[in-house]
């Protein structure tokens, strides 16, 4: 199981680390929140599953425990999972 935690920074995609871009480029699953710049999702392969777990006004979000369980579940499937955290 491989799960990477990648900080998306304060909103400027140019601040993403090289390593962050590298793991996004090989991800099979990207779990992201609404504060991550949308252009960063384009770094993932076209067939990568993208899962929005961010909170937004008027929309219920996953709890942290549910997000952790999701990361473990997708990681056990054998792919490379990236948790892209903005803000």
Protein backbone atom coordinates (compact mmCIF):
# COMPACT_ATOMS: atom_id res chain seq x y z
CA UNK A 1 0.00 0.00 0.00
CA UNK A 2 1.31 3.43 -0.92
CA UNK A 3 -0.46 6.59 0.22
CA UNK A 4 1.23 9.95 -0.27
CA UNK A 5 0.25 13.10 1.59
CA UNK A 6 0.89 16.10 -0.66
CA UNK A 7 0.50 19.69 0.47
CA UNK A 8 -1.07 21.75 -2.29
CA UNK A 9 0.03 25.01 -0.68
CA UNK A 10 -1.92 28.24 -0.32
CA UNK A 11 -3.51 28.08 -3.78
CA UNK A 12 -0.64 28.93 -6.13
CA UNK A 13 0.06 25.81 -8.23
CA UNK A 14 3.62 27.04 -8.76
CA UNK A 15 4.39 26.31 -5.12
CA UNK A 16 3.86 22.56 -5.43
CA UNK A 17 7.07 20.62 -4.82
CA UNK A 18 8.68 18.58 -7.57
CA UNK A 19 8.10 15.43 -5.55
CA UNK A 20 4.42 16.35 -5.15
CA UNK A 21 4.09 16.74 -8.92
CA UNK A 22 5.91 13.44 -9.42
CA UNK A 23 3.59 11.41 -7.19
CA UNK A 24 0.53 13.09 -8.68
CA UNK A 25 1.81 12.04 -12.10
CA UNK A 26 1.76 8.37 -11.10
CA UNK A 27 -1.38 8.37 -8.95
CA UNK A 28 -4.19 5.93 -9.52
CA UNK A 29 -6.39 7.77 -6.99
CA UNK A 30 -6.33 11.44 -5.93
CA UNK A 31 -8.29 12.38 -2.81
CA UNK A 32 -8.50 16.18 -2.69
CA UNK A 33 -10.26 19.05 -0.96
CA UNK A 34 -11.72 22.23 -2.40
CA UNK A 35 -8.74 24.38 -1.42
CA UNK A 36 -6.40 22.49 -3.77
CA UNK A 37 -6.00 24.37 -7.06
CA UNK A 38 -8.01 22.51 -9.74
CA UNK A 39 -5.08 22.69 -12.18
CA UNK A 40 -3.15 20.34 -9.87
CA UNK A 41 -5.64 17.56 -10.63
CA UNK A 42 -4.54 17.79 -14.26
CA UNK A 43 -1.11 16.48 -13.20
CA UNK A 44 -2.69 13.09 -12.44
CA UNK A 45 -3.13 10.57 -15.26
CA UNK A 46 -6.40 10.87 -17.13
CA UNK A 47 -7.62 7.53 -15.83
CA UNK A 48 -6.87 8.32 -12.17
CA UNK A 49 -9.88 8.31 -9.90
CA UNK A 50 -10.50 11.77 -8.41
CA UNK A 51 -12.41 11.94 -5.14
CA UNK A 52 -13.53 15.29 -3.72
CA UNK A 53 -13.67 15.14 0.08
CA UNK A 54 -13.63 18.88 0.73
CA UNK A 55 -16.04 20.80 2.85
CA UNK A 56 -18.15 23.52 1.25
CA UNK A 57 -20.99 25.70 2.47
CA UNK A 58 -24.25 23.78 2.28
CA UNK A 59 -22.58 20.48 1.48
CA UNK A 60 -21.84 17.76 3.95
CA UNK A 61 -18.30 16.50 3.84
CA UNK A 62 -16.64 13.29 4.88
CA UNK A 63 -15.37 13.17 8.42
CA UNK A 64 -11.64 12.80 8.95
CA UNK A 65 -12.20 9.20 10.02
CA UNK A 66 -14.07 8.50 6.77
CA UNK A 67 -11.28 10.10 4.74
CA UNK A 68 -8.66 7.99 6.51
CA UNK A 69 -10.71 4.84 5.90
CA UNK A 70 -11.02 5.78 2.21
CA UNK A 71 -7.25 6.23 1.89
CA UNK A 72 -6.62 2.83 3.47
CA UNK A 73 -9.30 1.15 1.33
CA UNK A 74 -7.95 2.58 -1.95
CA UNK A 75 -4.37 1.90 -0.86
CA UNK A 76 -5.15 -1.75 -0.19
CA UNK A 77 -6.39 -2.00 -3.77
CA UNK A 78 -2.73 -1.80 -4.76
CA UNK A 79 -2.60 1.55 -6.50
CA UNK A 80 -0.78 4.75 -5.66
CA UNK A 81 -3.02 7.04 -3.64
CA UNK A 82 -2.40 10.77 -3.21
CA UNK A 83 -4.12 12.83 -0.53
CA UNK A 84 -3.89 16.35 -1.96
CA UNK A 85 -4.46 18.80 0.86
CA UNK A 86 -4.88 22.50 0.13
CA UNK A 87 -4.75 25.52 2.39
